[in-house]
């Protein structure tokens, strides 16, 4: 029961941050940084279905369906041409991850996260949790999911809550 109370306190603490500085505020800020109407082959070949920053009208491509060679070329070109557009770093990271190049994916996700891309923060959380491309570190995973949750990523929110419940269950079993 104490674990549930801690989860409720966490959600109460995080939700106001998400609403006050949520996706709408960040979308407005992103629009100021990104050229109007920008979509590239990288978006078409490697855009994620859950990415709120992908251009309108693009459904996104599931990771298992990415055509890796053309997507890598297109995303490398997009990153070179638009180094301050976070989603291109994220999409290039998705391609690298799908290719099994986890260290490169981590670097690309990190750059996208630095530029404010919330889904990249969730990807970093997953890499720390699984130990792919970085040493496994559950505390770092929780911290990155927390950042993603505060940045407004729904997957980050759910993953952070899940990791918290795992830790609470583990702690309760130890007592």
Protein backbone atom coordinates (compact mmCIF):
# COMPACT_ATOMS: atom_id res chain seq x y z
CA UNK A 1 0.00 0.00 0.00
CA UNK A 2 2.87 2.36 0.75
CA UNK A 3 4.11 1.83 -2.81
CA UNK A 4 0.79 2.95 -4.27
CA UNK A 5 0.87 6.07 -2.09
CA UNK A 6 4.38 6.88 -3.38
CA UNK A 7 3.22 6.42 -6.98
CA UNK A 8 0.27 8.76 -6.43
CA UNK A 9 2.63 11.38 -4.93
CA UNK A 10 4.90 11.04 -7.97
CA UNK A 11 2.02 11.47 -10.39
CA UNK A 12 0.68 14.46 -8.45
CA UNK A 13 4.15 16.02 -8.60
CA UNK A 14 4.73 15.36 -12.31
CA UNK A 15 1.32 16.09 -13.88
CA UNK A 16 1.28 19.84 -13.12
CA UNK A 17 4.70 20.15 -14.74
CA UNK A 18 3.46 18.35 -17.84
CA UNK A 19 0.40 20.59 -18.10
CA UNK A 20 2.19 23.88 -17.34
CA UNK A 21 5.10 23.22 -19.65
CA UNK A 22 3.56 20.49 -21.73
CA UNK A 23 3.62 19.50 -25.37
CA UNK A 24 1.70 22.58 -26.55
CA UNK A 25 4.28 24.96 -25.06
CA UNK A 26 7.14 22.94 -26.52
CA UNK A 27 5.42 22.67 -29.93
CA UNK A 28 5.24 26.46 -30.06
CA UNK A 29 8.94 26.72 -29.12
CA UNK A 30 9.84 24.03 -31.70
CA UNK A 31 7.98 25.92 -34.42
CA UNK A 32 10.26 28.89 -33.80
CA UNK A 33 13.41 26.75 -34.22
CA UNK A 34 12.39 24.69 -37.24
CA UNK A 35 11.91 25.86 -40.84
CA UNK A 36 8.22 26.01 -41.74
CA UNK A 37 6.81 22.99 -43.57
CA UNK A 38 10.02 21.01 -43.20
CA UNK A 39 9.77 17.34 -44.02
CA UNK A 40 12.48 15.21 -45.56
CA UNK A 41 13.06 11.67 -46.78
CA UNK A 42 14.27 10.95 -43.24
CA UNK A 43 10.76 11.72 -41.96
CA UNK A 44 9.17 9.43 -44.54
CA UNK A 45 11.64 6.57 -44.04
CA UNK A 46 12.28 6.66 -40.28
CA UNK A 47 9.69 8.86 -38.57
CA UNK A 48 8.22 7.19 -35.49
CA UNK A 49 4.45 6.72 -35.20
CA UNK A 50 4.55 7.96 -31.56
CA UNK A 51 6.71 11.01 -32.28
CA UNK A 52 4.68 14.15 -31.62
CA UNK A 53 7.33 16.18 -33.48
CA UNK A 54 6.96 14.41 -36.83
CA UNK A 55 5.35 16.47 -39.61
CA UNK A 56 1.57 16.44 -39.82
CA UNK A 57 0.17 13.95 -42.27
CA UNK A 58 2.99 11.41 -41.82
CA UNK A 59 1.90 8.23 -40.08
CA UNK A 60 5.40 7.11 -39.17
CA UNK A 61 7.17 3.79 -39.67
CA UNK A 62 7.42 1.01 -37.10
CA UNK A 63 11.04 0.18 -36.26
CA UNK A 64 10.83 -3.31 -37.73
CA UNK A 65 9.67 -1.87 -41.09
CA UNK A 66 12.42 0.74 -41.57
CA UNK A 67 14.26 0.27 -44.87
CA UNK A 68 17.64 0.65 -43.18
CA UNK A 69 20.11 1.64 -45.93
CA UNK A 70 18.01 4.41 -47.55
CA UNK A 71 16.81 5.60 -44.12
CA UNK A 72 20.36 5.88 -42.81
CA UNK A 73 21.44 7.88 -45.86
CA UNK A 74 18.39 10.17 -45.68
CA UNK A 75 18.68 10.76 -41.94
CA UNK A 76 22.44 11.37 -42.06
CA UNK A 77 21.76 13.98 -44.76
CA UNK A 78 18.95 15.57 -42.72
CA UNK A 79 21.15 15.75 -39.59
CA UNK A 80 23.94 17.36 -41.62
CA UNK A 81 21.61 19.87 -43.27
CA UNK A 82 19.50 20.65 -40.18
CA UNK A 83 21.73 20.01 -37.13
CA UNK A 84 19.36 21.83 -34.77
CA UNK A 85 16.23 19.84 -35.65
CA UNK A 86 15.94 17.30 -32.84
CA UNK A 87 13.71 14.81 -34.62
CA UNK A 88 16.33 14.12 -37.30
CA UNK A 89 18.83 13.06 -34.63
CA UNK A 90 16.11 10.91 -33.06
CA UNK A 91 15.17 9.31 -36.38
CA UNK A 92 18.83 8.64 -37.21
CA UNK A 93 19.07 7.06 -33.76
CA UNK A 94 16.10 4.82 -34.53
CA UNK A 95 17.88 3.64 -37.69
CA UNK A 96 21.13 2.99 -35.82
CA UNK A 97 19.25 1.10 -33.10
CA UNK A 98 17.44 -1.02 -35.70
CA UNK A 99 20.83 -1.80 -37.23
CA UNK A 100 22.13 -2.96 -33.85
CA UNK A 101 24.55 -0.02 -33.53
CA UNK A 102 23.44 0.82 -30.00
CA UNK A 103 26.38 3.07 -29.15
CA UNK A 104 25.69 5.27 -32.19
CA UNK A 105 21.97 5.25 -31.39
CA UNK A 106 22.75 6.45 -27.86
CA UNK A 107 24.84 9.35 -29.18
CA UNK A 108 22.09 10.38 -31.60
CA UNK A 109 19.34 10.06 -28.98
CA UNK A 110 21.48 12.10 -26.59
CA UNK A 111 21.84 14.92 -29.11
CA UNK A 112 18.09 14.86 -29.80
CA UNK A 113 17.38 14.92 -26.05
CA UNK A 114 19.77 17.86 -25.64
CA UNK A 115 17.67 19.64 -28.28
CA UNK A 116 14.50 18.88 -26.29
CA UNK A 117 13.13 15.77 -28.00
CA UNK A 118 11.11 13.94 -25.34
CA UNK A 119 10.80 10.57 -27.10
CA UNK A 120 14.61 10.48 -27.31
CA UNK A 121 14.70 10.77 -23.54
CA UNK A 122 12.49 7.69 -23.32
CA UNK A 123 14.80 5.87 -25.76
CA UNK A 124 17.79 6.73 -23.55
CA UNK A 125 15.85 5.40 -20.56
CA UNK A 126 15.37 2.12 -22.40
CA UNK A 127 19.03 1.88 -23.30
CA UNK A 128 20.13 2.40 -19.71
CA UNK A 129 17.55 -0.12 -18.54
CA UNK A 130 18.62 -2.80 -21.05
CA UNK A 131 22.34 -2.00 -21.12
CA UNK A 132 22.35 -1.67 -24.92
CA UNK A 133 25.02 0.79 -26.02
CA UNK A 134 25.70 1.91 -22.44
CA UNK A 135 26.35 0.12 -19.17
CA UNK A 136 23.10 -1.08 -17.56
CA UNK A 137 22.06 1.45 -14.94
CA UNK A 138 18.52 1.31 -13.55
CA UNK A 139 18.88 4.60 -11.66
CA UNK A 140 19.93 6.41 -14.85
CA UNK A 141 17.00 4.74 -16.62
CA UNK A 142 14.60 6.13 -14.02
CA UNK A 143 16.15 9.60 -14.27
CA UNK A 144 15.79 9.66 -18.07
CA UNK A 145 12.20 8.42 -17.92
CA UNK A 146 11.52 11.16 -15.39
CA UNK A 147 12.96 13.74 -17.81
CA UNK A 148 10.83 12.32 -20.63
CA UNK A 149 7.73 12.40 -18.43
CA UNK A 150 8.32 16.00 -17.40
CA UNK A 151 8.93 16.88 -21.07
CA UNK A 152 5.49 15.47 -21.89
CA UNK A 153 6.23 12.12 -23.52
CA UNK A 154 3.36 9.72 -22.68
CA UNK A 155 5.59 6.66 -23.14
CA UNK A 156 8.14 8.20 -20.77
CA UNK A 157 5.38 8.80 -18.23
CA UNK A 158 4.15 5.22 -18.40
CA UNK A 159 7.65 3.76 -18.36
CA UNK A 160 8.66 5.92 -15.39
CA UNK A 161 5.60 4.75 -13.45
CA UNK A 162 6.37 1.12 -14.35
CA UNK A 163 10.01 1.40 -13.26
CA UNK A 164 8.90 3.05 -10.04
CA UNK A 165 6.46 0.23 -9.30
CA UNK A 166 9.18 -2.35 -10.00
CA UNK A 167 11.48 -0.60 -7.53
CA UNK A 168 8.72 -0.33 -4.91
CA UNK A 169 7.84 -4.00 -5.30
CA UNK A 170 11.53 -4.89 -4.98
CA UNK A 171 11.93 -2.69 -1.89
CA UNK A 172 8.76 -4.15 -0.32
CA UNK A 173 10.06 -7.67 -0.90
CA UNK A 174 13.29 -6.80 0.89
CA UNK A 175 11.52 -5.56 4.02
